[in-house]
């Protein structure tokens, strides 16, 4: 027969181990469900066109224009954030409703195709 102190120590150790395991399992489950969210932003352009864009990383923009999605990469800019692909350039300045963006051709003289303004999320529907 074990002395009461040894039994109490084993019981306390068992509770400690099971408590830690439960805490770890809970934290692991929480970490697995915390996925990054990607917000779809909508820009209303002077022409009446709507451009939708998402920014899945700091270096990538997915810009939907005239039924085509363009994957663009970040490029050097004097101000704002500029994204480019082989034929287009998407240059944004500011964040949130009222932020501006210009979609232009990269070739030739860089003619602006669209001058746009971000609209509020509730207007995105």
Protein backbone atom coordinates (compact mmCIF):
# COMPACT_ATOMS: atom_id res chain seq x y z
CA UNK A 1 0.00 0.00 0.00
CA UNK A 2 1.29 3.49 -0.88
CA UNK A 3 1.64 6.18 1.70
CA UNK A 4 -1.01 8.93 1.38
CA UNK A 5 1.63 11.52 0.42
CA UNK A 6 2.81 9.40 -2.56
CA UNK A 7 -0.78 8.88 -3.73
CA UNK A 8 -1.50 12.60 -3.46
CA UNK A 9 1.67 13.41 -5.40
CA UNK A 10 0.76 10.98 -8.19
CA UNK A 11 -2.79 12.33 -8.34
CA UNK A 12 -1.52 15.92 -8.48
CA UNK A 13 0.99 15.02 -11.22
CA UNK A 14 -1.74 13.25 -13.22
CA UNK A 15 -4.04 16.27 -12.99
CA UNK A 16 -1.19 18.60 -13.97
CA UNK A 17 -0.30 16.51 -17.05
CA UNK A 18 -3.92 16.18 -18.18
CA UNK A 19 -4.47 19.90 -17.62
CA UNK A 20 -1.46 20.82 -19.73
CA UNK A 21 -2.49 18.43 -22.49
CA UNK A 22 -5.97 19.92 -22.59
CA UNK A 23 -4.58 23.46 -22.74
CA UNK A 24 -2.19 22.51 -25.55
CA UNK A 25 -4.96 20.80 -27.52
CA UNK A 26 -7.17 23.87 -27.16
CA UNK A 27 -4.40 26.22 -28.31
CA UNK A 28 -3.59 23.94 -31.26
CA UNK A 29 -7.23 23.91 -32.33
CA UNK A 30 -7.38 27.71 -32.01
CA UNK A 31 -4.24 28.14 -34.11
CA UNK A 32 -5.62 25.89 -36.85
CA UNK A 33 -8.83 27.92 -37.18
CA UNK A 34 -7.09 31.33 -37.28
CA UNK A 35 -6.71 31.64 -41.04
CA UNK A 36 -5.81 34.95 -42.64
CA UNK A 37 -8.71 36.67 -44.32
CA UNK A 38 -8.47 38.27 -47.72
CA UNK A 39 -10.75 41.23 -48.24
CA UNK A 40 -12.26 41.97 -51.62
CA UNK A 41 -12.12 45.71 -52.28
CA UNK A 42 -14.21 47.50 -54.86
CA UNK A 43 -13.17 50.62 -56.73
CA UNK A 44 -15.60 52.82 -58.67
CA UNK A 45 -13.96 54.44 -61.68
CA UNK A 46 -14.69 57.74 -63.43
CA UNK A 47 -15.82 55.80 -66.52
CA UNK A 48 -18.42 53.94 -64.47
CA UNK A 49 -16.40 50.72 -64.49
CA UNK A 50 -15.94 48.77 -61.28
CA UNK A 51 -12.59 47.18 -60.44
CA UNK A 52 -12.28 44.58 -57.72
CA UNK A 53 -8.99 43.83 -56.04
CA UNK A 54 -7.62 41.62 -53.31
CA UNK A 55 -4.20 41.71 -51.74
CA UNK A 56 -3.43 38.17 -50.51
CA UNK A 57 0.13 39.15 -49.53
CA UNK A 58 2.11 42.37 -49.22
CA UNK A 59 3.69 41.63 -52.60
CA UNK A 60 0.70 40.50 -54.70
CA UNK A 61 -2.50 42.12 -55.96
CA UNK A 62 -5.23 40.29 -57.83
CA UNK A 63 -7.03 42.91 -59.91
CA UNK A 64 -10.28 42.04 -61.73
CA UNK A 65 -10.95 44.33 -64.70
CA UNK A 66 -13.27 43.74 -67.67
CA UNK A 67 -13.82 40.09 -66.79
CA UNK A 68 -10.13 39.24 -66.45
CA UNK A 69 -8.12 38.77 -63.27
CA UNK A 70 -4.57 40.08 -63.42
CA UNK A 71 -2.02 38.81 -60.90
CA UNK A 72 0.33 41.70 -60.25
CA UNK A 73 3.50 41.99 -58.22
CA UNK A 74 4.60 44.96 -56.15
CA UNK A 75 7.02 47.39 -57.80
CA UNK A 76 8.96 50.43 -56.64
CA UNK A 77 6.86 53.59 -56.24
CA UNK A 78 7.59 57.15 -55.15
CA UNK A 79 4.36 57.17 -53.15
CA UNK A 80 1.49 54.76 -52.65
CA UNK A 81 1.77 51.14 -53.71
CA UNK A 82 2.31 50.14 -57.32
CA UNK A 83 1.64 46.69 -58.76
CA UNK A 84 2.59 45.55 -62.27
CA UNK A 85 2.13 42.64 -64.62
CA UNK A 86 3.27 42.29 -68.23
CA UNK A 87 0.81 44.82 -69.63
CA UNK A 88 -0.83 46.79 -66.81
CA UNK A 89 0.02 48.87 -63.77
CA UNK A 90 -2.26 49.30 -60.72
CA UNK A 91 -1.21 52.20 -58.50
CA UNK A 92 -3.03 52.76 -55.21
CA UNK A 93 -2.77 55.62 -52.73
CA UNK A 94 -4.36 55.56 -49.30
CA UNK A 95 -6.58 52.98 -47.64
CA UNK A 96 -10.27 52.69 -46.97
CA UNK A 97 -13.20 54.45 -48.58
CA UNK A 98 -11.97 57.30 -50.74
CA UNK A 99 -8.52 55.82 -51.43
CA UNK A 100 -7.50 56.34 -55.03
CA UNK A 101 -6.19 53.98 -57.67
CA UNK A 102 -5.14 54.28 -61.30
CA UNK A 103 -5.05 51.40 -63.77
CA UNK A 104 -2.79 52.15 -66.72
CA UNK A 105 -0.94 50.51 -69.58
CA UNK A 106 2.74 49.83 -68.99
CA UNK A 107 3.68 50.02 -72.65
CA UNK A 108 3.74 53.18 -74.74
CA UNK A 109 3.22 56.27 -72.63
CA UNK A 110 1.54 54.64 -69.62
CA UNK A 111 -1.90 55.90 -70.60
CA UNK A 112 -4.39 55.75 -67.73
CA UNK A 113 -7.20 53.35 -68.53
CA UNK A 114 -9.17 54.01 -65.33
CA UNK A 115 -9.04 56.49 -62.46
CA UNK A 116 -10.85 55.01 -59.49
CA UNK A 117 -11.84 55.49 -55.87
CA UNK A 118 -12.32 52.76 -53.28
CA UNK A 119 -15.90 52.51 -52.07
CA UNK A 120 -17.09 51.44 -48.63
CA UNK A 121 -17.46 47.73 -47.92
CA UNK A 122 -21.24 48.01 -47.53
CA UNK A 123 -21.36 49.32 -51.13
CA UNK A 124 -19.47 46.28 -52.43
CA UNK A 125 -22.55 44.08 -52.76
